[in-house]
């Protein structure tokens, strides 16, 4: 009986440690302040970005995706002076609305960040990118379909199919 109790205690400790790690994901972002934090502080807090894009007036945008398991993709804009100018969550309705037919893959990636999943449909000559968004109570997917030339032909949002699989 003592071994079983010890095993449950160890399992409980692991669960607490994991929940602490999961809960900390947003905390490095919370420490960053627009107009105050520097590029060096962004890199210390969030690590190396998945991509860096040039922005107007010498600024740069740093991409920090939380896909495929997260529901967010963050962009941090650093001005030419080295200070944070903006911190934005890309997976939002206003950003989804900017994904329009004819936009290319690079433009979509620049808007939304790295997708959670990419699926190729050889017979249709189409590619679909999916991003998880929403929250734990209502997990959603935003999907973008590209034609053979890499241009958007459709997009839309719906329930995350994994929600049905896990019985949420």
N, C-alpha and C. Protein backbone atom coordinates (compact mmCIF):
# COMPACT_ATOMS: atom_id res chain seq x y z
N UNK A 1 0.83 -1.20 0.00
CA UNK A 1 0.00 0.00 0.00
C UNK A 1 0.87 1.26 0.00
N UNK A 2 2.00 1.20 0.73
CA UNK A 2 2.89 2.36 0.80
C UNK A 2 3.45 2.70 -0.58
N UNK A 3 3.81 1.67 -1.39
CA UNK A 3 4.34 1.91 -2.73
C UNK A 3 3.30 2.62 -3.59
N UNK A 4 2.05 2.19 -3.48
CA UNK A 4 0.98 2.80 -4.27
C UNK A 4 0.79 4.27 -3.88
N UNK A 5 0.82 4.56 -2.59
CA UNK A 5 0.68 5.94 -2.11
C UNK A 5 1.83 6.80 -2.62
N UNK A 6 3.05 6.26 -2.57
CA UNK A 6 4.22 6.99 -3.06
C UNK A 6 4.10 7.26 -4.55
N UNK A 7 3.62 6.27 -5.29
CA UNK A 7 3.45 6.44 -6.74
C UNK A 7 2.42 7.53 -7.04
N UNK A 8 1.31 7.54 -6.31
CA UNK A 8 0.29 8.58 -6.52
C UNK A 8 0.83 9.96 -6.15
N UNK A 9 1.63 10.02 -5.10
CA UNK A 9 2.22 11.30 -4.68
C UNK A 9 3.18 11.82 -5.75
N UNK A 10 3.98 10.91 -6.32
CA UNK A 10 4.92 11.31 -7.38
C UNK A 10 4.16 11.77 -8.61
N UNK A 11 3.11 11.04 -8.96
CA UNK A 11 2.29 11.43 -10.11
C UNK A 11 1.65 12.80 -9.88
N UNK A 12 1.18 13.04 -8.69
CA UNK A 12 0.60 14.34 -8.36
C UNK A 12 1.61 15.46 -8.48
N UNK A 13 2.85 15.22 -8.05
CA UNK A 13 3.91 16.22 -8.16
C UNK A 13 4.21 16.54 -9.61
N UNK A 14 4.23 15.52 -10.46
CA UNK A 14 4.47 15.72 -11.89
C UNK A 14 3.33 16.54 -12.49
N UNK A 15 2.10 16.23 -12.11
CA UNK A 15 0.94 16.98 -12.64
C UNK A 15 1.00 18.45 -12.24
N UNK A 16 1.38 18.72 -11.00
CA UNK A 16 1.48 20.11 -10.54
C UNK A 16 2.58 20.83 -11.31
N UNK A 17 3.72 20.16 -11.51
CA UNK A 17 4.83 20.77 -12.24
C UNK A 17 4.42 21.08 -13.68
N UNK A 18 3.74 20.14 -14.32
CA UNK A 18 3.29 20.36 -15.70
C UNK A 18 2.27 21.49 -15.79
N UNK A 19 1.34 21.55 -14.86
CA UNK A 19 0.34 22.62 -14.92
C UNK A 19 0.98 23.97 -14.69
N UNK A 20 2.03 24.01 -13.88
CA UNK A 20 2.75 25.26 -13.65
C UNK A 20 3.44 25.71 -14.94
N UNK A 21 4.07 24.76 -15.65
CA UNK A 21 4.72 25.09 -16.91
C UNK A 21 3.72 25.58 -17.94
N UNK A 22 2.60 24.91 -18.07
CA UNK A 22 1.58 25.30 -19.03
C UNK A 22 1.05 26.69 -18.70
N UNK A 23 0.81 26.95 -17.44
CA UNK A 23 0.28 28.25 -17.03
C UNK A 23 1.27 29.38 -17.22
N UNK A 24 2.55 29.09 -17.32
CA UNK A 24 3.58 30.13 -17.44
C UNK A 24 3.78 30.60 -18.86
N UNK A 25 3.20 29.94 -19.85
CA UNK A 25 3.48 30.28 -21.25
C UNK A 25 3.26 31.75 -21.55
N UNK A 26 2.20 32.36 -21.03
CA UNK A 26 1.91 33.76 -21.32
C UNK A 26 2.70 34.71 -20.43
N UNK A 27 3.23 34.25 -19.31
CA UNK A 27 3.89 35.16 -18.37
C UNK A 27 5.09 35.89 -18.96
N UNK A 28 5.92 35.30 -19.81
CA UNK A 28 7.00 36.09 -20.40
C UNK A 28 6.47 37.27 -21.22
N UNK A 29 5.36 37.09 -21.90
CA UNK A 29 4.75 38.18 -22.65
C UNK A 29 4.26 39.28 -21.71
N UNK A 30 3.72 38.90 -20.57
CA UNK A 30 3.19 39.87 -19.62
C UNK A 30 4.28 40.78 -19.06
N UNK A 31 5.52 40.28 -19.05
CA UNK A 31 6.63 41.08 -18.53
C UNK A 31 7.12 42.12 -19.54
N UNK A 32 6.74 41.97 -20.81
CA UNK A 32 7.19 42.91 -21.83
C UNK A 32 6.27 44.12 -21.85
N UNK A 33 6.85 45.31 -22.02
CA UNK A 33 6.07 46.54 -22.02
C UNK A 33 6.34 47.33 -23.29
N UNK A 34 5.27 47.73 -23.96
CA UNK A 34 5.38 48.56 -25.15
C UNK A 34 6.04 49.88 -24.78
N UNK A 35 7.03 50.28 -25.60
CA UNK A 35 7.73 51.53 -25.38
C UNK A 35 8.82 51.48 -24.33
N UNK A 36 8.92 50.35 -23.63
CA UNK A 36 9.91 50.23 -22.55
C UNK A 36 10.86 49.07 -22.81
N UNK A 37 10.32 47.87 -23.10
CA UNK A 37 11.14 46.68 -23.29
C UNK A 37 11.97 46.78 -24.57
N UNK A 38 13.15 46.16 -24.54
CA UNK A 38 14.06 46.18 -25.67
C UNK A 38 14.02 44.86 -26.43
N UNK A 39 14.62 44.86 -27.61
CA UNK A 39 14.72 43.62 -28.39
C UNK A 39 15.44 42.55 -27.60
N UNK A 40 16.49 42.93 -26.90
CA UNK A 40 17.24 41.96 -26.09
C UNK A 40 16.34 41.33 -25.02
N UNK A 41 15.47 42.13 -24.41
CA UNK A 41 14.55 41.60 -23.40
C UNK A 41 13.53 40.67 -24.03
N UNK A 42 13.07 41.00 -25.23
CA UNK A 42 12.13 40.12 -25.95
C UNK A 42 12.79 38.77 -26.19
N UNK A 43 13.99 38.79 -26.69
CA UNK A 43 14.69 37.52 -26.98
C UNK A 43 14.99 36.73 -25.70
N UNK A 44 15.32 37.43 -24.62
CA UNK A 44 15.56 36.74 -23.34
C UNK A 44 14.27 36.09 -22.83
N UNK A 45 13.16 36.82 -22.96
CA UNK A 45 11.89 36.33 -22.43
C UNK A 45 11.27 35.23 -23.30
N UNK A 46 11.37 35.39 -24.62
CA UNK A 46 10.64 34.49 -25.53
C UNK A 46 11.52 33.58 -26.37
N UNK A 47 12.82 33.82 -26.37
CA UNK A 47 13.73 33.00 -27.17
C UNK A 47 13.85 33.53 -28.59
N UNK A 48 14.40 32.71 -29.44
CA UNK A 48 14.57 33.09 -30.85
C UNK A 48 13.22 33.00 -31.56
N UNK A 49 12.88 34.00 -32.34
CA UNK A 49 11.61 33.96 -33.08
C UNK A 49 11.64 32.94 -34.20
N UNK A 50 10.46 32.45 -34.59
CA UNK A 50 10.35 31.51 -35.70
C UNK A 50 10.65 32.20 -37.02
N UNK A 51 10.37 33.50 -37.08
CA UNK A 51 10.66 34.30 -38.28
C UNK A 51 10.76 35.76 -37.87
N UNK A 52 11.48 36.52 -38.68
CA UNK A 52 11.60 37.96 -38.49
C UNK A 52 11.24 38.62 -39.81
N UNK A 53 10.34 39.61 -39.74
CA UNK A 53 9.88 40.31 -40.94
C UNK A 53 10.24 41.79 -40.84
N UNK A 54 10.60 42.37 -41.99
CA UNK A 54 10.81 43.82 -42.03
C UNK A 54 9.46 44.51 -41.96
N UNK A 55 9.42 45.62 -41.24
CA UNK A 55 8.20 46.41 -41.09
C UNK A 55 8.53 47.86 -41.46
N UNK A 56 7.51 48.71 -41.61
CA UNK A 56 7.75 50.11 -41.99
C UNK A 56 8.66 50.85 -41.00
N UNK A 57 9.35 51.85 -41.53
CA UNK A 57 10.19 52.76 -40.74
C UNK A 57 11.32 52.06 -39.99
N UNK A 58 11.86 50.99 -40.58
CA UNK A 58 12.99 50.30 -39.98
C UNK A 58 12.65 49.36 -38.84
N UNK A 59 11.36 49.17 -38.57
CA UNK A 59 10.94 48.25 -37.51
C UNK A 59 11.05 46.81 -38.03
N UNK A 60 10.97 45.87 -37.09
CA UNK A 60 10.96 44.44 -37.44
C UNK A 60 9.90 43.74 -36.60
N UNK A 61 9.25 42.72 -37.20
CA UNK A 61 8.25 41.92 -36.48
C UNK A 61 8.84 40.54 -36.20
N UNK A 62 8.75 40.13 -34.95
CA UNK A 62 9.24 38.83 -34.50
C UNK A 62 8.05 37.90 -34.31
N UNK A 63 8.09 36.75 -34.96
CA UNK A 63 6.98 35.78 -34.89
C UNK A 63 7.27 34.74 -33.81
N UNK A 64 6.29 34.58 -32.90
CA UNK A 64 6.38 33.57 -31.83
C UNK A 64 5.12 32.70 -31.85
N UNK A 65 5.12 31.65 -32.68
CA UNK A 65 3.94 30.78 -32.75
C UNK A 65 3.82 29.87 -31.53
N UNK A 66 2.60 29.55 -31.18
CA UNK A 66 2.32 28.60 -30.10
C UNK A 66 1.57 27.39 -30.66
N UNK A 67 1.64 27.22 -31.97
CA UNK A 67 1.01 26.10 -32.65
C UNK A 67 1.98 24.91 -32.65
N UNK A 68 1.56 23.67 -32.66
CA UNK A 68 0.20 23.22 -32.92
C UNK A 68 -0.66 23.04 -31.67
N UNK A 69 -0.07 23.01 -30.49
CA UNK A 69 -0.88 22.72 -29.30
C UNK A 69 -1.53 23.96 -28.69
N UNK A 70 -0.93 25.11 -28.87
CA UNK A 70 -1.50 26.33 -28.31
C UNK A 70 -2.62 26.88 -29.17
N UNK A 71 -3.23 27.96 -28.70
CA UNK A 71 -4.33 28.62 -29.41
C UNK A 71 -3.95 30.03 -29.84
N UNK A 72 -2.66 30.33 -29.83
CA UNK A 72 -2.21 31.69 -30.10
C UNK A 72 -0.96 31.68 -30.98
N UNK A 73 -0.75 32.75 -31.69
CA UNK A 73 0.49 33.06 -32.38
C UNK A 73 0.76 34.53 -32.12
N UNK A 74 1.91 34.84 -31.54
CA UNK A 74 2.24 36.20 -31.14
C UNK A 74 3.23 36.84 -32.10
N UNK A 75 3.05 38.14 -32.33
CA UNK A 75 4.00 38.95 -33.08
C UNK A 75 4.41 40.12 -32.18
N UNK A 76 5.71 40.35 -32.11
CA UNK A 76 6.24 41.48 -31.34
C UNK A 76 6.96 42.38 -32.33
N UNK A 77 6.50 43.63 -32.43
CA UNK A 77 7.14 44.60 -33.32
C UNK A 77 8.14 45.42 -32.51
N UNK A 78 9.37 45.46 -33.02
CA UNK A 78 10.44 46.23 -32.39
C UNK A 78 10.81 47.35 -33.35
N UNK A 79 10.78 48.59 -32.86
CA UNK A 79 11.09 49.75 -33.68
C UNK A 79 12.56 49.86 -34.00
N UNK A 80 12.89 50.79 -34.90
CA UNK A 80 14.28 51.03 -35.28
C UNK A 80 15.13 51.44 -34.07
N UNK A 81 14.48 51.99 -33.04
CA UNK A 81 15.19 52.39 -31.82
C UNK A 81 15.45 51.22 -30.87
N UNK A 82 14.98 50.00 -31.25
CA UNK A 82 15.21 48.82 -30.43
C UNK A 82 14.19 48.59 -29.34
N UNK A 83 13.13 49.42 -29.28
CA UNK A 83 12.09 49.26 -28.26
C UNK A 83 10.85 48.60 -28.85
N UNK A 84 10.15 47.85 -28.00
CA UNK A 84 8.91 47.19 -28.41
C UNK A 84 7.86 48.24 -28.75
N UNK A 85 7.26 48.12 -29.93
CA UNK A 85 6.22 49.05 -30.39
C UNK A 85 4.83 48.43 -30.31
N UNK A 86 4.76 47.10 -30.45
CA UNK A 86 3.45 46.43 -30.43
C UNK A 86 3.64 44.97 -30.09
N UNK A 87 2.65 44.42 -29.38
CA UNK A 87 2.58 42.99 -29.10
C UNK A 87 1.17 42.59 -29.52
N UNK A 88 1.06 41.68 -30.49
CA UNK A 88 -0.28 41.32 -30.96
C UNK A 88 -0.45 39.81 -31.09
N UNK A 89 -1.64 39.39 -30.76
CA UNK A 89 -2.05 38.00 -30.94
C UNK A 89 -2.66 37.93 -32.33
N UNK A 90 -2.04 37.16 -33.22
CA UNK A 90 -2.44 37.15 -34.63
C UNK A 90 -3.73 36.39 -34.90
N UNK A 91 -4.05 35.42 -34.07
CA UNK A 91 -5.21 34.56 -34.35
C UNK A 91 -6.47 35.19 -33.77
N UNK A 92 -6.97 36.20 -34.49
CA UNK A 92 -8.12 36.97 -34.05
C UNK A 92 -9.01 37.27 -35.26
N UNK A 93 -10.31 37.45 -35.06
CA UNK A 93 -11.24 37.69 -36.17
C UNK A 93 -10.81 38.83 -37.11
N UNK A 94 -10.28 39.91 -36.57
CA UNK A 94 -9.87 41.03 -37.42
C UNK A 94 -8.74 40.62 -38.38
N UNK A 95 -7.85 39.77 -37.90
CA UNK A 95 -6.76 39.30 -38.76
C UNK A 95 -7.27 38.28 -39.76
N UNK A 96 -8.16 37.39 -39.32
CA UNK A 96 -8.74 36.41 -40.25
C UNK A 96 -9.43 37.11 -41.41
N UNK A 97 -10.07 38.23 -41.14
CA UNK A 97 -10.80 38.98 -42.18
C UNK A 97 -9.86 39.52 -43.25
N UNK A 98 -8.59 39.65 -42.94
CA UNK A 98 -7.61 40.15 -43.91
C UNK A 98 -7.12 39.06 -44.86
N UNK A 99 -7.49 37.81 -44.58
CA UNK A 99 -7.12 36.70 -45.46
C UNK A 99 -8.19 36.62 -46.55
N UNK A 100 -7.84 37.09 -47.74
CA UNK A 100 -8.80 37.20 -48.84
C UNK A 100 -8.31 36.42 -50.05
N UNK A 101 -9.23 36.01 -50.92
CA UNK A 101 -8.83 35.30 -52.14
C UNK A 101 -7.76 36.08 -52.91
N UNK A 102 -6.75 35.34 -53.38
CA UNK A 102 -5.67 35.93 -54.15
C UNK A 102 -4.41 36.17 -53.33
N UNK A 103 -4.53 36.27 -51.99
CA UNK A 103 -3.36 36.48 -51.14
C UNK A 103 -2.45 35.25 -51.25
N UNK A 104 -1.14 35.46 -51.28
CA UNK A 104 -0.23 34.32 -51.41
C UNK A 104 0.15 33.74 -50.04
N UNK A 105 0.85 32.59 -50.06
CA UNK A 105 1.22 31.90 -48.82
C UNK A 105 2.09 32.78 -47.91
N UNK A 106 3.03 33.51 -48.50
CA UNK A 106 3.90 34.38 -47.68
C UNK A 106 3.08 35.45 -46.97
N UNK A 107 2.07 36.00 -47.65
CA UNK A 107 1.22 37.00 -47.03
C UNK A 107 0.39 36.44 -45.89
N UNK A 108 -0.10 35.22 -46.07
CA UNK A 108 -0.88 34.57 -45.01
C UNK A 108 0.01 34.27 -43.82
N UNK A 109 1.21 33.75 -44.07
CA UNK A 109 2.15 33.45 -42.98
C UNK A 109 2.49 34.72 -42.22
N UNK A 110 2.66 35.81 -42.94
CA UNK A 110 3.01 37.09 -42.30
C UNK A 110 1.86 37.59 -41.41
N UNK A 111 0.63 37.32 -41.81
CA UNK A 111 -0.53 37.74 -41.02
C UNK A 111 -0.77 36.85 -39.80
N UNK A 112 -0.71 35.52 -40.01
CA UNK A 112 -1.16 34.58 -38.99
C UNK A 112 -0.06 33.79 -38.30
N UNK A 113 1.13 33.79 -38.86
CA UNK A 113 2.20 32.99 -38.27
C UNK A 113 2.13 31.54 -38.74
N UNK A 114 3.01 30.74 -38.19
CA UNK A 114 3.12 29.33 -38.58
C UNK A 114 1.83 28.58 -38.25
N UNK A 115 1.31 27.80 -39.22
CA UNK A 115 0.08 27.04 -38.95
C UNK A 115 0.33 25.83 -38.06
N UNK A 116 -0.75 25.34 -37.48
CA UNK A 116 -0.70 24.13 -36.66
C UNK A 116 -0.55 22.89 -37.53
N UNK A 117 -1.16 22.96 -38.71
CA UNK A 117 -1.18 21.76 -39.58
C UNK A 117 -1.25 22.21 -41.03
N UNK A 118 -0.56 21.45 -41.88
CA UNK A 118 -0.61 21.66 -43.33
C UNK A 118 -1.01 20.34 -43.98
N UNK A 119 -2.02 20.39 -44.85
CA UNK A 119 -2.50 19.18 -45.53
C UNK A 119 -2.48 19.41 -47.04
N UNK A 120 -1.95 18.43 -47.77
CA UNK A 120 -1.91 18.50 -49.24
C UNK A 120 -2.97 17.59 -49.83
N UNK A 121 -3.67 18.06 -50.83
CA UNK A 121 -4.66 17.27 -51.56
C UNK A 121 -4.19 17.20 -53.00
N UNK A 122 -3.43 16.14 -53.31
CA UNK A 122 -2.81 16.01 -54.62
C UNK A 122 -3.80 16.02 -55.78
N UNK A 123 -4.90 15.28 -55.65
CA UNK A 123 -5.86 15.21 -56.75
C UNK A 123 -6.51 16.55 -57.05
N UNK A 124 -6.76 17.33 -56.02
CA UNK A 124 -7.38 18.65 -56.20
C UNK A 124 -6.33 19.74 -56.45
N UNK A 125 -5.06 19.38 -56.24
CA UNK A 125 -3.96 20.33 -56.35
C UNK A 125 -4.18 21.53 -55.42
N UNK A 126 -4.54 21.20 -54.18
CA UNK A 126 -4.79 22.22 -53.17
C UNK A 126 -3.99 21.90 -51.91
N UNK A 127 -3.75 22.94 -51.13
CA UNK A 127 -3.07 22.82 -49.86
C UNK A 127 -3.90 23.59 -48.83
N UNK A 128 -4.07 23.00 -47.64
CA UNK A 128 -4.85 23.65 -46.59
C UNK A 128 -3.97 23.83 -45.37
N UNK A 129 -3.97 25.07 -44.85
CA UNK A 129 -3.28 25.39 -43.61
C UNK A 129 -4.33 25.61 -42.54
N UNK A 130 -4.08 25.06 -41.34
CA UNK A 130 -5.00 25.19 -40.21
C UNK A 130 -4.29 25.79 -39.00
N UNK A 131 -5.00 26.67 -38.30
CA UNK A 131 -4.52 27.26 -37.05
C UNK A 131 -5.55 26.98 -35.96
N UNK A 132 -5.08 26.58 -34.79
CA UNK A 132 -5.96 26.43 -33.64
C UNK A 132 -6.15 27.80 -33.00
N UNK A 133 -7.37 28.12 -32.63
CA UNK A 133 -7.63 29.38 -31.92
C UNK A 133 -8.84 29.16 -31.03
N UNK A 134 -9.32 30.21 -30.42
CA UNK A 134 -10.41 30.07 -29.45
C UNK A 134 -9.81 29.85 -28.07
N UNK A 135 -10.48 29.06 -27.27
CA UNK A 135 -9.98 28.76 -25.93
C UNK A 135 -10.32 27.32 -25.58
N UNK A 136 -9.99 26.92 -24.37
CA UNK A 136 -10.22 25.53 -23.96
C UNK A 136 -11.70 25.17 -23.99
N UNK A 137 -12.56 26.12 -23.67
CA UNK A 137 -14.01 25.85 -23.66
C UNK A 137 -14.57 25.73 -25.07
N UNK A 138 -14.03 26.50 -26.01
CA UNK A 138 -14.51 26.47 -27.39
C UNK A 138 -13.30 26.48 -28.33
N UNK A 139 -12.63 25.32 -28.47
CA UNK A 139 -11.48 25.26 -29.37
C UNK A 139 -11.94 25.30 -30.83
N UNK A 140 -11.32 26.18 -31.60
CA UNK A 140 -11.70 26.37 -33.00
C UNK A 140 -10.50 26.19 -33.92
N UNK A 141 -10.79 26.03 -35.20
CA UNK A 141 -9.77 25.99 -36.24
C UNK A 141 -10.10 27.06 -37.26
N UNK A 142 -9.08 27.74 -37.76
CA UNK A 142 -9.23 28.62 -38.92
C UNK A 142 -8.43 27.95 -40.02
N UNK A 143 -9.06 27.75 -41.17
CA UNK A 143 -8.43 27.05 -42.29
C UNK A 143 -8.34 27.96 -43.50
N UNK A 144 -7.23 27.84 -44.23
CA UNK A 144 -7.03 28.58 -45.47
C UNK A 144 -6.67 27.57 -46.55
N UNK A 145 -7.38 27.63 -47.67
CA UNK A 145 -7.13 26.73 -48.80
C UNK A 145 -6.42 27.51 -49.91
N UNK A 146 -5.32 26.93 -50.39
CA UNK A 146 -4.52 27.53 -51.46
C UNK A 146 -4.66 26.70 -52.73
N UNK A 147 -4.65 27.35 -53.89
CA UNK A 147 -4.66 26.64 -55.16
C UNK A 147 -3.24 26.20 -55.51
N UNK A 148 -3.07 25.62 -56.69
CA UNK A 148 -1.77 25.10 -57.13
C UNK A 148 -0.73 26.21 -57.26
N UNK A 149 -1.15 27.46 -57.44
CA UNK A 149 -0.23 28.58 -57.55
C UNK A 149 0.11 29.21 -56.20
N UNK A 150 -0.43 28.64 -55.12
CA UNK A 150 -0.14 29.15 -53.78
C UNK A 150 -0.93 30.39 -53.41
N UNK A 151 -2.11 30.55 -54.00
CA UNK A 151 -2.97 31.69 -53.72
C UNK A 151 -4.22 31.23 -52.97
N UNK A 152 -4.71 32.07 -52.06
CA UNK A 152 -5.90 31.75 -51.27
C UNK A 152 -7.11 31.63 -52.20
N UNK A 153 -7.85 30.53 -52.05
CA UNK A 153 -9.12 30.39 -52.76
C UNK A 153 -10.30 30.30 -51.80
N UNK A 154 -10.02 30.01 -50.52
CA UNK A 154 -11.10 29.93 -49.53
C UNK A 154 -10.50 29.97 -48.13
N UNK A 155 -11.34 30.39 -47.18
CA UNK A 155 -10.94 30.35 -45.77
C UNK A 155 -12.21 30.25 -44.93
N UNK A 156 -12.06 29.78 -43.70
CA UNK A 156 -13.20 29.67 -42.82
C UNK A 156 -12.80 29.14 -41.47
N UNK A 157 -13.72 29.22 -40.52
CA UNK A 157 -13.47 28.80 -39.16
C UNK A 157 -14.54 27.81 -38.72
N UNK A 158 -14.17 26.90 -37.84
CA UNK A 158 -15.12 25.93 -37.31
C UNK A 158 -14.57 25.30 -36.06
N UNK A 159 -15.36 24.41 -35.46
CA UNK A 159 -14.93 23.71 -34.25
C UNK A 159 -13.71 22.86 -34.53
N UNK A 160 -12.83 22.80 -33.56
CA UNK A 160 -11.65 21.95 -33.63
C UNK A 160 -12.13 20.50 -33.67
N UNK A 161 -11.76 19.73 -34.73
CA UNK A 161 -12.23 18.34 -34.81
C UNK A 161 -11.77 17.47 -33.64
N UNK A 162 -10.68 17.84 -33.00
CA UNK A 162 -10.21 17.05 -31.85
C UNK A 162 -11.17 17.19 -30.68
N UNK A 163 -11.95 18.25 -30.64
CA UNK A 163 -12.95 18.44 -29.58
C UNK A 163 -13.92 17.26 -29.56
N UNK A 164 -14.35 16.85 -30.74
CA UNK A 164 -15.28 15.73 -30.85
C UNK A 164 -14.62 14.42 -30.41
N UNK A 165 -13.32 14.26 -30.74
CA UNK A 165 -12.62 13.03 -30.45
C UNK A 165 -12.41 12.81 -28.96
N UNK A 166 -12.19 13.88 -28.20
CA UNK A 166 -11.93 13.74 -26.77
C UNK A 166 -13.18 13.89 -25.94
N UNK A 167 -14.32 14.12 -26.61
CA UNK A 167 -15.59 14.19 -25.90
C UNK A 167 -15.80 15.45 -25.10
N UNK A 168 -15.23 16.56 -25.56
CA UNK A 168 -15.41 17.83 -24.85
C UNK A 168 -16.79 18.40 -25.06
